[in-house]
């Protein structure tokens, strides 16, 4: 009986360790995703501002290239 309890306890400890590692990996992934979302939101605001102000860059003429 003691051997069965020991085996069962060992399996539970193994599963618990796996779950702890899995949660830590998910936390890292969530932090990375949150950071990327923040960067994308900042970039979106920047692009939205450029659209609101109008195109600041050089305009490309709507002409046919010389090889036509």
N, C-alpha and C. Protein backbone atom coordinates (compact mmCIF):
# COMPACT_ATOMS: atom_id res chain seq x y z
N UNK A 1 0.81 -1.19 0.00
CA UNK A 1 0.00 0.00 0.00
C UNK A 1 0.86 1.26 0.00
N UNK A 2 1.94 1.24 0.77
CA UNK A 2 2.81 2.41 0.84
C UNK A 2 3.47 2.67 -0.50
N UNK A 3 3.80 1.57 -1.23
CA UNK A 3 4.43 1.71 -2.55
C UNK A 3 3.45 2.35 -3.53
N UNK A 4 2.19 1.97 -3.47
CA UNK A 4 1.17 2.56 -4.35
C UNK A 4 1.00 4.05 -4.05
N UNK A 5 0.96 4.38 -2.77
CA UNK A 5 0.83 5.79 -2.39
C UNK A 5 2.04 6.59 -2.86
N UNK A 6 3.22 6.00 -2.75
CA UNK A 6 4.44 6.67 -3.17
C UNK A 6 4.43 6.89 -4.69
N UNK A 7 3.99 5.86 -5.44
CA UNK A 7 3.91 5.99 -6.89
C UNK A 7 2.88 7.06 -7.28
N UNK A 8 1.76 7.04 -6.60
CA UNK A 8 0.71 8.01 -6.90
C UNK A 8 1.19 9.42 -6.57
N UNK A 9 1.84 9.58 -5.46
CA UNK A 9 2.38 10.89 -5.07
C UNK A 9 3.41 11.37 -6.09
N UNK A 10 4.26 10.46 -6.56
CA UNK A 10 5.25 10.81 -7.58
C UNK A 10 4.60 11.26 -8.86
N UNK A 11 3.54 10.58 -9.28
CA UNK A 11 2.81 10.98 -10.51
C UNK A 11 2.17 12.35 -10.32
N UNK A 12 1.58 12.59 -9.14
CA UNK A 12 0.95 13.88 -8.88
C UNK A 12 1.99 15.01 -8.88
N UNK A 13 3.16 14.75 -8.30
CA UNK A 13 4.22 15.75 -8.29
C UNK A 13 4.70 16.06 -9.70
N UNK A 14 4.80 15.03 -10.52
CA UNK A 14 5.22 15.21 -11.91
C UNK A 14 4.19 16.04 -12.66
N UNK A 15 2.93 15.72 -12.50
CA UNK A 15 1.87 16.47 -13.18
C UNK A 15 1.85 17.92 -12.71
N UNK A 16 2.03 18.12 -11.40
CA UNK A 16 2.03 19.47 -10.85
C UNK A 16 3.20 20.28 -11.42
N UNK A 17 4.36 19.68 -11.51
CA UNK A 17 5.53 20.37 -12.06
C UNK A 17 5.29 20.73 -13.53
N UNK A 18 4.68 19.82 -14.29
CA UNK A 18 4.36 20.10 -15.69
C UNK A 18 3.39 21.27 -15.77
N UNK A 19 2.37 21.28 -14.93
CA UNK A 19 1.38 22.36 -14.97
C UNK A 19 2.00 23.70 -14.57
N UNK A 20 2.90 23.68 -13.60
CA UNK A 20 3.58 24.93 -13.22
C UNK A 20 4.39 25.48 -14.38
N UNK A 21 5.11 24.61 -15.08
CA UNK A 21 5.91 25.05 -16.23
C UNK A 21 5.01 25.57 -17.33
N UNK A 22 3.90 24.88 -17.56
CA UNK A 22 2.96 25.28 -18.61
C UNK A 22 2.36 26.67 -18.30
N UNK A 23 2.00 26.91 -17.07
CA UNK A 23 1.45 28.20 -16.68
C UNK A 23 2.50 29.29 -16.85
N UNK A 24 3.73 29.02 -16.49
CA UNK A 24 4.80 30.01 -16.65
C UNK A 24 5.01 30.33 -18.13
N UNK A 25 4.96 29.33 -18.99
CA UNK A 25 5.11 29.56 -20.44
C UNK A 25 3.94 30.37 -20.97
N UNK A 26 2.74 30.08 -20.50
CA UNK A 26 1.58 30.85 -20.94
C UNK A 26 1.68 32.30 -20.47
N UNK A 27 2.16 32.52 -19.26
CA UNK A 27 2.34 33.88 -18.76
C UNK A 27 3.31 34.66 -19.64
N UNK A 28 4.43 34.02 -20.00
CA UNK A 28 5.40 34.68 -20.88
C UNK A 28 4.77 35.00 -22.24
N UNK A 29 4.02 34.06 -22.78
CA UNK A 29 3.38 34.28 -24.08
C UNK A 29 2.36 35.41 -24.00
N UNK A 30 1.60 35.45 -22.92
CA UNK A 30 0.60 36.52 -22.76
C UNK A 30 1.28 37.88 -22.63
N UNK A 31 2.38 37.96 -21.89
CA UNK A 31 3.10 39.22 -21.76
C UNK A 31 3.66 39.68 -23.11
N UNK A 32 4.18 38.73 -23.87
CA UNK A 32 4.71 39.06 -25.20
C UNK A 32 3.59 39.54 -26.12
N UNK A 33 2.45 38.87 -26.07
CA UNK A 33 1.32 39.28 -26.90
C UNK A 33 0.82 40.66 -26.48
N UNK A 34 0.76 40.93 -25.20
CA UNK A 34 0.32 42.24 -24.73
C UNK A 34 1.28 43.34 -25.20
N UNK A 35 2.58 43.04 -25.15
CA UNK A 35 3.58 44.00 -25.62
C UNK A 35 3.40 44.27 -27.11
N UNK A 36 3.19 43.20 -27.89
CA UNK A 36 3.00 43.37 -29.33
C UNK A 36 1.72 44.13 -29.64
N UNK A 37 0.66 43.88 -28.88
CA UNK A 37 -0.60 44.60 -29.09
C UNK A 37 -0.39 46.08 -28.79
N UNK A 38 0.33 46.39 -27.72
CA UNK A 38 0.61 47.79 -27.39
C UNK A 38 1.39 48.46 -28.53
N UNK A 39 2.37 47.75 -29.08
CA UNK A 39 3.15 48.31 -30.19
C UNK A 39 2.26 48.53 -31.42
N UNK A 40 1.39 47.58 -31.70
CA UNK A 40 0.51 47.72 -32.86
C UNK A 40 -0.49 48.85 -32.67
N UNK A 41 -1.00 49.02 -31.44
CA UNK A 41 -1.92 50.13 -31.18
C UNK A 41 -1.21 51.47 -31.35
N UNK A 42 0.03 51.56 -30.89
CA UNK A 42 0.79 52.80 -31.05
C UNK A 42 1.02 53.08 -32.54
N UNK A 43 1.36 52.05 -33.28
CA UNK A 43 1.58 52.22 -34.73
C UNK A 43 0.28 52.60 -35.44
N UNK A 44 -0.82 52.01 -35.02
CA UNK A 44 -2.11 52.35 -35.61
C UNK A 44 -2.47 53.80 -35.34
N UNK A 45 -2.22 54.29 -34.12
CA UNK A 45 -2.47 55.69 -33.80
C UNK A 45 -1.61 56.60 -34.67
N UNK A 46 -0.35 56.19 -34.85
CA UNK A 46 0.56 56.98 -35.68
C UNK A 46 0.05 57.04 -37.12
N UNK A 47 -0.35 55.91 -37.66
CA UNK A 47 -0.85 55.88 -39.03
C UNK A 47 -2.16 56.65 -39.16
N UNK A 48 -3.01 56.53 -38.16
CA UNK A 48 -4.28 57.26 -38.17
C UNK A 48 -4.01 58.77 -38.17
N UNK A 49 -3.04 59.19 -37.39
CA UNK A 49 -2.67 60.60 -37.37
C UNK A 49 -2.17 61.08 -38.72
N UNK A 50 -1.39 60.24 -39.38
CA UNK A 50 -0.89 60.61 -40.71
C UNK A 50 -2.03 60.74 -41.70
N UNK A 51 -3.00 59.85 -41.60
CA UNK A 51 -4.15 59.92 -42.51
C UNK A 51 -4.96 61.18 -42.23
N UNK A 52 -5.14 61.49 -40.95
CA UNK A 52 -5.90 62.69 -40.58
C UNK A 52 -5.21 63.96 -41.10
N UNK A 53 -3.89 64.02 -41.00
CA UNK A 53 -3.15 65.20 -41.44
C UNK A 53 -2.98 65.23 -42.95
N UNK A 54 -3.17 64.12 -43.58
CA UNK A 54 -2.94 64.04 -45.02
C UNK A 54 -1.58 63.43 -45.28
N UNK A 55 -1.34 63.10 -46.49
CA UNK A 55 -0.08 62.46 -46.85
C UNK A 55 1.05 63.46 -46.74
N UNK A 56 2.05 63.13 -45.97
CA UNK A 56 3.20 64.01 -45.80
C UNK A 56 4.33 63.65 -46.75
N UNK A 57 4.30 62.44 -47.26
CA UNK A 57 5.37 61.99 -48.12
C UNK A 57 5.18 62.47 -49.55
N UNK A 58 6.18 62.21 -50.37
CA UNK A 58 6.06 62.61 -51.78
C UNK A 58 4.95 61.82 -52.46
N UNK A 59 4.21 62.51 -53.31
CA UNK A 59 3.14 61.83 -54.04
C UNK A 59 3.72 61.18 -55.29
N UNK A 60 3.19 60.06 -55.62
CA UNK A 60 3.64 59.32 -56.80
C UNK A 60 2.72 59.73 -57.95
N UNK A 61 3.30 60.26 -59.03
CA UNK A 61 2.44 60.67 -60.15
C UNK A 61 1.78 59.45 -60.79
N UNK A 62 0.57 59.66 -61.23
CA UNK A 62 -0.19 58.59 -61.87
C UNK A 62 0.09 58.63 -63.38
N UNK A 63 1.31 58.23 -63.73
CA UNK A 63 1.73 58.24 -65.13
C UNK A 63 2.14 56.85 -65.55
N UNK A 64 2.11 56.63 -66.84
CA UNK A 64 2.58 55.37 -67.35
C UNK A 64 4.10 55.38 -67.37
N UNK A 65 4.70 54.27 -67.00
CA UNK A 65 6.17 54.21 -67.05
C UNK A 65 6.67 54.40 -68.48
N UNK A 66 7.93 54.83 -68.65
CA UNK A 66 8.44 55.13 -70.00
C UNK A 66 8.53 53.91 -70.91
N UNK A 67 8.54 52.71 -70.36
CA UNK A 67 8.69 51.54 -71.23
C UNK A 67 7.38 51.11 -71.86
N UNK A 68 6.26 51.82 -71.62
CA UNK A 68 5.00 51.48 -72.27
C UNK A 68 4.90 52.14 -73.60
